[in-house]
Amino acid sequence: MDTGCKKEEYSTLISAIAKSMMTYISAYAFAPVVRGPDQQKAEFAALTAVGETARNRIFIAPAVKRLSVVERWHDATRSLEKNHDVDQFAASVGKLLAAC
């Protein structure tokens, strides 16, 4: 297997997670509790970006599945939406990023 392709896929996945994480953090740490349609669209895009990116990896697909990337991402975002605990969200996503 081409390690260059694996590195590129990991890089793309990590970038999607990190970018999406910042979208969620800005929504819950700095914005009012009630978010407008633009913020809701941004959150949905961030949520789906990670799922889509994780699911279309070819070279790292076994690792993505083994690490439960999509499930862990969704668990972290659901917890943030419910509890509004940005620190817990950041810690959960940090562990996910470290596993990648």
PDB file of N, CA and C in Angstrom:
ATOM      1  N   MET A   1       0.826  -1.185   0.000  1.00  0.00           N
ATOM      2  CA  MET A   1       0.000   0.000   0.000  1.00  0.00           C
ATOM      3  C   MET A   1       0.874   1.254   0.000  1.00  0.00           C
ATOM      4  N   ASP A   2       0.470   2.241  -0.722  1.00  0.00           N
ATOM      5  CA  ASP A   2       1.229   3.478  -0.856  1.00  0.00           C
ATOM      6  C   ASP A   2       1.108   4.316   0.421  1.00  0.00           C
ATOM      7  N   THR A   3       2.221   4.452   1.135  1.00  0.00           N
ATOM      8  CA  THR A   3       2.180   5.214   2.389  1.00  0.00           C
ATOM      9  C   THR A   3       1.923   6.694   2.143  1.00  0.00           C
ATOM     10  N   GLY A   4       2.320   7.194   0.968  1.00  0.00           N
ATOM     11  CA  GLY A   4       2.037   8.583   0.638  1.00  0.00           C
ATOM     12  C   GLY A   4       0.543   8.846   0.556  1.00  0.00           C
ATOM     13  N   CYS A   5      -0.183   7.894  -0.019  1.00  0.00           N
ATOM     14  CA  CYS A   5      -1.645   8.033  -0.113  1.00  0.00           C
ATOM     15  C   CYS A   5      -2.276   7.959   1.271  1.00  0.00           C
ATOM     16  N   LYS A   6      -1.758   7.074   2.109  1.00  0.00           N
ATOM     17  CA  LYS A   6      -2.287   6.965   3.466  1.00  0.00           C
ATOM     18  C   LYS A   6      -2.066   8.272   4.234  1.00  0.00           C
ATOM     19  N   LYS A   7      -0.864   8.828   4.114  1.00  0.00           N
ATOM     20  CA  LYS A   7      -0.563  10.086   4.795  1.00  0.00           C
ATOM     21  C   LYS A   7      -1.491  11.198   4.314  1.00  0.00           C
ATOM     22  N   GLU A   8      -1.725  11.246   3.010  1.00  0.00           N
ATOM     23  CA  GLU A   8      -2.603  12.271   2.462  1.00  0.00           C
ATOM     24  C   GLU A   8      -4.031  12.098   2.974  1.00  0.00           C
ATOM     25  N   GLU A   9      -4.497  10.850   3.030  1.00  0.00           N
ATOM     26  CA  GLU A   9      -5.846  10.605   3.532  1.00  0.00           C
ATOM     27  C   GLU A   9      -5.972  10.952   5.011  1.00  0.00           C
ATOM     28  N   TYR A  10      -4.978  10.585   5.808  1.00  0.00           N
ATOM     29  CA  TYR A  10      -5.004  10.970   7.226  1.00  0.00           C
ATOM     30  C   TYR A  10      -4.992  12.487   7.364  1.00  0.00           C
ATOM     31  N   SER A  11      -4.172  13.155   6.582  1.00  0.00           N
ATOM     32  CA  SER A  11      -4.087  14.607   6.641  1.00  0.00           C
ATOM     33  C   SER A  11      -5.435  15.247   6.307  1.00  0.00           C
ATOM     34  N   THR A  12      -6.084  14.745   5.279  1.00  0.00           N
ATOM     35  CA  THR A  12      -7.393  15.271   4.884  1.00  0.00           C
ATOM     36  C   THR A  12      -8.428  15.042   5.979  1.00  0.00           C
ATOM     37  N   LEU A  13      -8.421  13.859   6.563  1.00  0.00           N
ATOM     38  CA  LEU A  13      -9.364  13.533   7.628  1.00  0.00           C
ATOM     39  C   LEU A  13      -9.121  14.400   8.859  1.00  0.00           C
ATOM     40  N   ILE A  14      -7.883  14.513   9.265  1.00  0.00           N
ATOM     41  CA  ILE A  14      -7.539  15.320  10.439  1.00  0.00           C
ATOM     42  C   ILE A  14      -7.919  16.783  10.206  1.00  0.00           C
ATOM     43  N   SER A  15      -7.686  17.283   9.003  1.00  0.00           N
ATOM     44  CA  SER A  15      -8.058  18.662   8.678  1.00  0.00           C
ATOM     45  C   SER A  15      -9.568  18.862   8.755  1.00  0.00           C
ATOM     46  N   ALA A  16     -10.327  17.904   8.242  1.00  0.00           N
ATOM     47  CA  ALA A  16     -11.792  18.007   8.290  1.00  0.00           C
ATOM     48  C   ALA A  16     -12.286  18.009   9.732  1.00  0.00           C
ATOM     49  N   ILE A  17     -11.710  17.149  10.558  1.00  0.00           N
ATOM     50  CA  ILE A  17     -12.111  17.091  11.967  1.00  0.00           C
ATOM     51  C   ILE A  17     -11.760  18.399  12.671  1.00  0.00           C
ATOM     52  N   ALA A  18     -10.538  18.877  12.477  1.00  0.00           N
ATOM     53  CA  ALA A  18     -10.095  20.101  13.149  1.00  0.00           C
ATOM     54  C   ALA A  18     -10.919  21.312  12.718  1.00  0.00           C
ATOM     55  N   LYS A  19     -11.172  21.449  11.426  1.00  0.00           N
ATOM     56  CA  LYS A  19     -11.965  22.579  10.926  1.00  0.00           C
ATOM     57  C   LYS A  19     -13.393  22.511  11.460  1.00  0.00           C
ATOM     58  N   SER A  20     -13.964  21.323  11.428  1.00  0.00           N
ATOM     59  CA  SER A  20     -15.329  21.149  11.921  1.00  0.00           C
ATOM     60  C   SER A  20     -15.415  21.388  13.421  1.00  0.00           C
ATOM     61  N   MET A  21     -14.399  20.962  14.142  1.00  0.00           N
ATOM     62  CA  MET A  21     -14.354  21.182  15.582  1.00  0.00           C
ATOM     63  C   MET A  21     -14.401  22.683  15.881  1.00  0.00           C
ATOM     64  N   MET A  22     -13.654  23.472  15.127  1.00  0.00           N
ATOM     65  CA  MET A  22     -13.627  24.914  15.372  1.00  0.00           C
ATOM     66  C   MET A  22     -14.979  25.550  15.065  1.00  0.00           C
ATOM     67  N   THR A  23     -15.683  25.031  14.076  1.00  0.00           N
ATOM     68  CA  THR A  23     -17.028  25.536  13.775  1.00  0.00           C
ATOM     69  C   THR A  23     -17.941  25.309  14.968  1.00  0.00           C
ATOM     70  N   TYR A  24     -17.878  24.110  15.528  1.00  0.00           N
ATOM     71  CA  TYR A  24     -18.717  23.799  16.691  1.00  0.00           C
ATOM     72  C   TYR A  24     -18.308  24.603  17.916  1.00  0.00           C
ATOM     73  N   ILE A  25     -17.028  24.733  18.146  1.00  0.00           N
ATOM     74  CA  ILE A  25     -16.574  25.489  19.308  1.00  0.00           C
ATOM     75  C   ILE A  25     -17.016  26.946  19.199  1.00  0.00           C
ATOM     76  N   SER A  26     -16.874  27.532  18.033  1.00  0.00           N
ATOM     77  CA  SER A  26     -17.283  28.934  17.889  1.00  0.00           C
ATOM     78  C   SER A  26     -18.787  29.091  18.075  1.00  0.00           C
ATOM     79  N   ALA A  27     -19.542  28.086  17.687  1.00  0.00           N
ATOM     80  CA  ALA A  27     -21.001  28.151  17.841  1.00  0.00           C
ATOM     81  C   ALA A  27     -21.420  28.062  19.307  1.00  0.00           C
ATOM     82  N   TYR A  28     -20.712  27.250  20.068  1.00  0.00           N
ATOM     83  CA  TYR A  28     -21.140  27.010  21.452  1.00  0.00           C
ATOM     84  C   TYR A  28     -20.362  27.808  22.482  1.00  0.00           C
ATOM     85  N   ALA A  29     -19.193  28.294  22.137  1.00  0.00           N
ATOM     86  CA  ALA A  29     -18.406  29.032  23.117  1.00  0.00           C
ATOM     87  C   ALA A  29     -18.606  30.542  23.004  1.00  0.00           C
ATOM     88  N   PHE A  30     -18.838  31.025  21.808  1.00  0.00           N
ATOM     89  CA  PHE A  30     -18.838  32.468  21.601  1.00  0.00           C
ATOM     90  C   PHE A  30     -20.172  33.032  21.146  1.00  0.00           C
ATOM     91  N   ALA A  31     -21.034  32.202  20.641  1.00  0.00           N
ATOM     92  CA  ALA A  31     -22.301  32.691  20.097  1.00  0.00           C
ATOM     93  C   ALA A  31     -23.411  32.538  21.133  1.00  0.00           C
ATOM     94  N   PRO A  32     -24.503  33.250  20.946  1.00  0.00           N
ATOM     95  CA  PRO A  32     -25.635  33.075  21.850  1.00  0.00           C
ATOM     96  C   PRO A  32     -26.190  31.650  21.756  1.00  0.00           C
ATOM     97  N   VAL A  33     -26.951  31.275  22.761  1.00  0.00           N
ATOM     98  CA  VAL A  33     -27.516  29.925  22.805  1.00  0.00           C
ATOM     99  C   VAL A  33     -28.404  29.672  21.588  1.00  0.00           C
ATOM    100  N   VAL A  34     -29.172  30.675  21.176  1.00  0.00           N
ATOM    101  CA  VAL A  34     -30.022  30.530  19.998  1.00  0.00           C
ATOM    102  C   VAL A  34     -29.194  30.913  18.780  1.00  0.00           C
ATOM    103  N   ARG A  35     -29.042  29.951  17.882  1.00  0.00           N
ATOM    104  CA  ARG A  35     -28.241  30.180  16.685  1.00  0.00           C
ATOM    105  C   ARG A  35     -29.167  30.360  15.482  1.00  0.00           C
ATOM    106  N   GLY A  36     -28.780  31.262  14.615  1.00  0.00           N
ATOM    107  CA  GLY A  36     -29.570  31.543  13.421  1.00  0.00           C
ATOM    108  C   GLY A  36     -29.373  30.498  12.345  1.00  0.00           C
ATOM    109  N   PRO A  37     -30.088  30.658  11.245  1.00  0.00           N
ATOM    110  CA  PRO A  37     -30.022  29.687  10.155  1.00  0.00           C
ATOM    111  C   PRO A  37     -28.622  29.527   9.563  1.00  0.00           C
ATOM    112  N   ASP A  38     -27.864  30.605   9.474  1.00  0.00           N
ATOM    113  CA  ASP A  38     -26.507  30.495   8.922  1.00  0.00           C
ATOM    114  C   ASP A  38     -25.614  29.638   9.815  1.00  0.00           C
ATOM    115  N   GLN A  39     -25.717  29.838  11.127  1.00  0.00           N
ATOM    116  CA  GLN A  39     -24.921  29.038  12.053  1.00  0.00           C
ATOM    117  C   GLN A  39     -25.369  27.582  12.019  1.00  0.00           C
ATOM    118  N   GLN A  40     -26.651  27.355  11.927  1.00  0.00           N
ATOM    119  CA  GLN A  40     -27.161  25.981  11.855  1.00  0.00           C
ATOM    120  C   GLN A  40     -26.674  25.291  10.587  1.00  0.00           C
ATOM    121  N   LYS A  41     -26.646  26.016   9.474  1.00  0.00           N
ATOM    122  CA  LYS A  41     -26.123  25.458   8.222  1.00  0.00           C
ATOM    123  C   LYS A  41     -24.637  25.134   8.357  1.00  0.00           C
ATOM    124  N   ALA A  42     -23.891  26.015   9.001  1.00  0.00           N
ATOM    125  CA  ALA A  42     -22.461  25.791   9.194  1.00  0.00           C
ATOM    126  C   ALA A  42     -22.214  24.551  10.066  1.00  0.00           C
ATOM    127  N   GLU A  43     -23.023  24.399  11.113  1.00  0.00           N
ATOM    128  CA  GLU A  43     -22.893  23.222  11.976  1.00  0.00           C
ATOM    129  C   GLU A  43     -23.215  21.950  11.202  1.00  0.00           C
ATOM    130  N   PHE A  44     -24.280  21.974  10.411  1.00  0.00           N
ATOM    131  CA  PHE A  44     -24.641  20.795   9.621  1.00  0.00           C
ATOM    132  C   PHE A  44     -23.528  20.460   8.629  1.00  0.00           C
ATOM    133  N   ALA A  45     -22.973  21.478   7.991  1.00  0.00           N
ATOM    134  CA  ALA A  45     -21.873  21.252   7.051  1.00  0.00           C
ATOM    135  C   ALA A  45     -20.658  20.652   7.765  1.00  0.00           C
ATOM    136  N   ALA A  46     -20.371  21.146   8.958  1.00  0.00           N
ATOM    137  CA  ALA A  46     -19.247  20.622   9.735  1.00  0.00           C
ATOM    138  C   ALA A  46     -19.495  19.176  10.147  1.00  0.00           C
ATOM    139  N   LEU A  47     -20.715  18.901  10.582  1.00  0.00           N
ATOM    140  CA  LEU A  47     -21.076  17.543  10.988  1.00  0.00           C
ATOM    141  C   LEU A  47     -20.920  16.576   9.826  1.00  0.00           C
ATOM    142  N   THR A  48     -21.454  16.948   8.687  1.00  0.00           N
ATOM    143  CA  THR A  48     -21.416  16.041   7.539  1.00  0.00           C
ATOM    144  C   THR A  48     -20.040  15.971   6.885  1.00  0.00           C
ATOM    145  N   ALA A  49     -19.261  17.029   6.970  1.00  0.00           N
ATOM    146  CA  ALA A  49     -17.924  17.019   6.368  1.00  0.00           C
ATOM    147  C   ALA A  49     -17.058  15.917   6.960  1.00  0.00           C
ATOM    148  N   VAL A  50     -17.122  15.760   8.264  1.00  0.00           N
ATOM    149  CA  VAL A  50     -16.323  14.714   8.906  1.00  0.00           C
ATOM    150  C   VAL A  50     -16.816  13.337   8.477  1.00  0.00           C
ATOM    151  N   GLY A  51     -18.122  13.138   8.498  1.00  0.00           N
ATOM    152  CA  GLY A  51     -18.673  11.848   8.093  1.00  0.00           C
ATOM    153  C   GLY A  51     -18.334  11.501   6.658  1.00  0.00           C
ATOM    154  N   GLU A  52     -18.504  12.456   5.761  1.00  0.00           N
ATOM    155  CA  GLU A  52     -18.204  12.210   4.354  1.00  0.00           C
ATOM    156  C   GLU A  52     -16.718  11.950   4.137  1.00  0.00           C
ATOM    157  N   THR A  53     -15.890  12.742   4.777  1.00  0.00           N
ATOM    158  CA  THR A  53     -14.449  12.575   4.621  1.00  0.00           C
ATOM    159  C   THR A  53     -14.013  11.217   5.157  1.00  0.00           C
ATOM    160  N   ALA A  54     -14.528  10.843   6.311  1.00  0.00           N
ATOM    161  CA  ALA A  54     -14.153   9.552   6.904  1.00  0.00           C
ATOM    162  C   ALA A  54     -14.625   8.382   6.035  1.00  0.00           C
ATOM    163  N   ARG A  55     -15.792   8.520   5.476  1.00  0.00           N
ATOM    164  CA  ARG A  55     -16.361   7.406   4.713  1.00  0.00           C
ATOM    165  C   ARG A  55     -15.783   7.258   3.315  1.00  0.00           C
ATOM    166  N   ASN A  56     -15.144   8.277   2.784  1.00  0.00           N
ATOM    167  CA  ASN A  56     -14.600   8.125   1.439  1.00  0.00           C
ATOM    168  C   ASN A  56     -13.084   7.945   1.409  1.00  0.00           C
ATOM    169  N   ARG A  57     -12.509   7.534   2.518  1.00  0.00           N
ATOM    170  CA  ARG A  57     -11.082   7.185   2.562  1.00  0.00           C
ATOM    171  C   ARG A  57     -10.918   5.764   2.022  1.00  0.00           C
ATOM    172  N   ILE A  58      -9.960   5.546   1.158  1.00  0.00           N
ATOM    173  CA  ILE A  58      -9.727   4.222   0.578  1.00  0.00           C
ATOM    174  C   ILE A  58      -8.597   3.509   1.319  1.00  0.00           C
ATOM    175  N   PHE A  59      -7.470   4.171   1.459  1.00  0.00           N
ATOM    176  CA  PHE A  59      -6.279   3.536   2.006  1.00  0.00           C
ATOM    177  C   PHE A  59      -6.321   3.373   3.524  1.00  0.00           C
ATOM    178  N   ILE A  60      -7.076   4.231   4.203  1.00  0.00           N
ATOM    179  CA  ILE A  60      -7.132   4.146   5.667  1.00  0.00           C
ATOM    180  C   ILE A  60      -8.493   3.665   6.161  1.00  0.00           C
ATOM    181  N   ALA A  61      -9.309   3.146   5.267  1.00  0.00           N
ATOM    182  CA  ALA A  61     -10.663   2.711   5.638  1.00  0.00           C
ATOM    183  C   ALA A  61     -10.684   1.741   6.818  1.00  0.00           C
ATOM    184  N   PRO A  62      -9.798   0.732   6.856  1.00  0.00           N
ATOM    185  CA  PRO A  62      -9.829  -0.177   8.019  1.00  0.00           C
ATOM    186  C   PRO A  62      -9.559   0.545   9.344  1.00  0.00           C
ATOM    187  N   ALA A  63      -8.632   1.478   9.333  1.00  0.00           N
ATOM    188  CA  ALA A  63      -8.320   2.224  10.563  1.00  0.00           C
ATOM    189  C   ALA A  63      -9.480   3.136  10.944  1.00  0.00           C
ATOM    190  N   VAL A  64     -10.096   3.776   9.963  1.00  0.00           N
ATOM    191  CA  VAL A  64     -11.238   4.657  10.230  1.00  0.00           C
ATOM    192  C   VAL A  64     -12.360   3.850  10.882  1.00  0.00           C
ATOM    193  N   LYS A  65     -12.584   2.656  10.367  1.00  0.00           N
ATOM    194  CA  LYS A  65     -13.630   1.799  10.933  1.00  0.00           C
ATOM    195  C   LYS A  65     -13.245   1.328  12.337  1.00  0.00           C
ATOM    196  N   ARG A  66     -12.013   0.870  12.494  1.00  0.00           N
ATOM    197  CA  ARG A  66     -11.537   0.365  13.787  1.00  0.00           C
ATOM    198  C   ARG A  66     -11.577   1.444  14.861  1.00  0.00           C
ATOM    199  N   LEU A  67     -11.262   2.666  14.475  1.00  0.00           N
ATOM    200  CA  LEU A  67     -11.247   3.784  15.424  1.00  0.00           C
ATOM    201  C   LEU A  67     -12.633   4.380  15.652  1.00  0.00           C
ATOM    202  N   SER A  68     -13.630   3.907  14.918  1.00  0.00           N
ATOM    203  CA  SER A  68     -15.007   4.413  15.029  1.00  0.00           C
ATOM    204  C   SER A  68     -15.048   5.934  14.888  1.00  0.00           C
ATOM    205  N   VAL A  69     -14.353   6.442  13.886  1.00  0.00           N
ATOM    206  CA  VAL A  69     -14.216   7.882  13.704  1.00  0.00           C
ATOM    207  C   VAL A  69     -15.575   8.567  13.603  1.00  0.00           C
ATOM    208  N   VAL A  70     -16.436   8.067  12.734  1.00  0.00           N
ATOM    209  CA  VAL A  70     -17.732   8.725  12.532  1.00  0.00           C
ATOM    210  C   VAL A  70     -18.568   8.667  13.802  1.00  0.00           C
ATOM    211  N   GLU A  71     -18.600   7.521  14.439  1.00  0.00           N
ATOM    212  CA  GLU A  71     -19.400   7.369  15.656  1.00  0.00           C
ATOM    213  C   GLU A  71     -18.885   8.276  16.770  1.00  0.00           C
ATOM    214  N   ARG A  72     -17.578   8.339  16.921  1.00  0.00           N
ATOM    215  CA  ARG A  72     -16.991   9.173  17.969  1.00  0.00           C
ATOM    216  C   ARG A  72     -17.244  10.656  17.694  1.00  0.00           C
ATOM    217  N   TRP A  73     -17.162  11.045  16.437  1.00  0.00           N
ATOM    218  CA  TRP A  73     -17.440  12.434  16.062  1.00  0.00           C
ATOM    219  C   TRP A  73     -18.893  12.777  16.383  1.00  0.00           C
ATOM    220  N   HIS A  74     -19.801  11.905  15.967  1.00  0.00           N
ATOM    221  CA  HIS A  74     -21.218  12.171  16.223  1.00  0.00           C
ATOM    222  C   HIS A  74     -21.526  12.180  17.718  1.00  0.00           C
ATOM    223  N   ASP A  75     -20.916  11.283  18.471  1.00  0.00           N
ATOM    224  CA  ASP A  75     -21.117  11.281  19.927  1.00  0.00           C
ATOM    225  C   ASP A  75     -20.647  12.599  20.544  1.00  0.00           C
ATOM    226  N   ALA A  76     -19.493  13.075  20.092  1.00  0.00           N
ATOM    227  CA  ALA A  76     -18.944  14.326  20.633  1.00  0.00           C
ATOM    228  C   ALA A  76     -19.845  15.511  20.300  1.00  0.00           C
ATOM    229  N   THR A  77     -20.333  15.580  19.061  1.00  0.00           N
ATOM    230  CA  THR A  77     -21.184  16.711  18.687  1.00  0.00           C
ATOM    231  C   THR A  77     -22.539  16.650  19.387  1.00  0.00           C
ATOM    232  N   ARG A  78     -23.097  15.446  19.520  1.00  0.00           N
ATOM    233  CA  ARG A  78     -24.379  15.320  20.235  1.00  0.00           C
ATOM    234  C   ARG A  78     -24.235  15.742  21.693  1.00  0.00           C
ATOM    235  N   SER A  79     -23.132  15.340  22.302  1.00  0.00           N
ATOM    236  CA  SER A  79     -22.891  15.715  23.696  1.00  0.00           C
ATOM    237  C   SER A  79     -22.765  17.234  23.830  1.00  0.00           C
ATOM    238  N   LEU A  80     -22.050  17.865  22.917  1.00  0.00           N
ATOM    239  CA  LEU A  80     -21.901  19.320  22.953  1.00  0.00           C
ATOM    240  C   LEU A  80     -23.249  20.005  22.780  1.00  0.00           C
ATOM    241  N   GLU A  81     -24.040  19.521  21.837  1.00  0.00           N
ATOM    242  CA  GLU A  81     -25.358  20.121  21.605  1.00  0.00           C
ATOM    243  C   GLU A  81     -26.254  19.990  22.831  1.00  0.00           C
ATOM    244  N   LYS A  82     -26.112  18.897  23.547  1.00  0.00           N
ATOM    245  CA  LYS A  82     -26.946  18.649  24.724  1.00  0.00           C
ATOM    246  C   LYS A  82     -26.436  19.399  25.954  1.00  0.00           C
ATOM    247  N   ASN A  83     -25.136  19.306  26.206  1.00  0.00           N
ATOM    248  CA  ASN A  83     -24.563  19.824  27.457  1.00  0.00           C
ATOM    249  C   ASN A  83     -23.888  21.191  27.331  1.00  0.00           C
ATOM    250  N   HIS A  84     -23.583  21.616  26.120  1.00  0.00           N
ATOM    251  CA  HIS A  84     -22.898  22.887  25.882  1.00  0.00           C
ATOM    252  C   HIS A  84     -21.550  22.959  26.607  1.00  0.00           C
ATOM    253  N   ASP A  85     -20.911  21.815  26.784  1.00  0.00           N
ATOM    254  CA  ASP A  85     -19.623  21.752  27.473  1.00  0.00           C
ATOM    255  C   ASP A  85     -18.499  21.707  26.432  1.00  0.00           C
ATOM    256  N   VAL A  86     -17.983  22.883  26.114  1.00  0.00           N
ATOM    257  CA  VAL A  86     -16.961  23.004  25.081  1.00  0.00           C
ATOM    258  C   VAL A  86     -15.679  22.278  25.478  1.00  0.00           C
ATOM    259  N   ASP A  87     -15.327  22.320  26.759  1.00  0.00           N
ATOM    260  CA  ASP A  87     -14.107  21.644  27.211  1.00  0.00           C
ATOM    261  C   ASP A  87     -14.204  20.136  27.017  1.00  0.00           C
ATOM    262  N   GLN A  88     -15.343  19.571  27.354  1.00  0.00           N
ATOM    263  CA  GLN A  88     -15.545  18.128  27.161  1.00  0.00           C
ATOM    264  C   GLN A  88     -15.501  17.777  25.672  1.00  0.00           C
ATOM    265  N   PHE A  89     -16.130  18.615  24.847  1.00  0.00           N
ATOM    266  CA  PHE A  89     -16.117  18.405  23.400  1.00  0.00           C
ATOM    267  C   PHE A  89     -14.690  18.437  22.874  1.00  0.00           C
ATOM    268  N   ALA A  90     -13.938  19.442  23.264  1.00  0.00           N
ATOM    269  CA  ALA A  90     -12.551  19.574  22.808  1.00  0.00           C
ATOM    270  C   ALA A  90     -11.715  18.371  23.247  1.00  0.00           C
ATOM    271  N   ALA A  91     -11.939  17.885  24.455  1.00  0.00           N
ATOM    272  CA  ALA A  91     -11.198  16.721  24.942  1.00  0.00           C
ATOM    273  C   ALA A  91     -11.567  15.477  24.137  1.00  0.00           C
ATOM    274  N   SER A  92     -12.850  15.295  23.853  1.00  0.00           N
ATOM    275  CA  SER A  92     -13.289  14.137  23.068  1.00  0.00           C
ATOM    276  C   SER A  92     -12.711  14.168  21.658  1.00  0.00           C
ATOM    277  N   VAL A  93     -12.766  15.329  21.045  1.00  0.00           N
ATOM    278  CA  VAL A  93     -12.234  15.454  19.688  1.00  0.00           C
ATOM    279  C   VAL A  93     -10.710  15.351  19.705  1.00  0.00           C
ATOM    280  N   GLY A  94     -10.088  15.870  20.733  1.00  0.00           N
ATOM    281  CA  GLY A  94      -8.638  15.733  20.869  1.00  0.00           C
ATOM    282  C   GLY A  94      -8.199  14.285  20.929  1.00  0.00           C
ATOM    283  N   LYS A  95      -8.961  13.465  21.665  1.00  0.00           N
ATOM    284  CA  LYS A  95      -8.646  12.033  21.730  1.00  0.00           C
ATOM    285  C   LYS A  95      -8.847  11.370  20.369  1.00  0.00           C
ATOM    286  N   LEU A  96      -9.870  11.802  19.666  1.00  0.00           N
ATOM    287  CA  LEU A  96     -10.107  11.264  18.320  1.00  0.00           C
ATOM    288  C   LEU A  96      -8.964  11.648  17.383  1.00  0.00           C
ATOM    289  N   LEU A  97      -8.545  12.900  17.428  1.00  0.00           N
ATOM    290  CA  LEU A  97      -7.441  13.331  16.588  1.00  0.00           C
ATOM    291  C   LEU A  97      -6.141  12.593  16.936  1.00  0.00           C
ATOM    292  N   ALA A  98      -5.909  12.382  18.212  1.00  0.00           N
ATOM    293  CA  ALA A  98      -4.697  11.676  18.631  1.00  0.00           C
ATOM    294  C   ALA A  98      -4.695  10.225  18.138  1.00  0.00           C
ATOM    295  N   ALA A  99      -5.878   9.632  18.050  1.00  0.00           N
ATOM    296  CA  ALA A  99      -5.985   8.254  17.580  1.00  0.00           C
ATOM    297  C   ALA A  99      -5.702   8.148  16.083  1.00  0.00           C
ATOM    298  N   CYS A 100      -5.987   9.246  15.365  1.00  0.00           N
ATOM    299  CA  CYS A 100      -5.739   9.239  13.908  1.00  0.00           C
ATOM    300  C   CYS A 100      -4.266   9.397  13.648  1.00  0.00           C
TER     301      CYS A 100
END
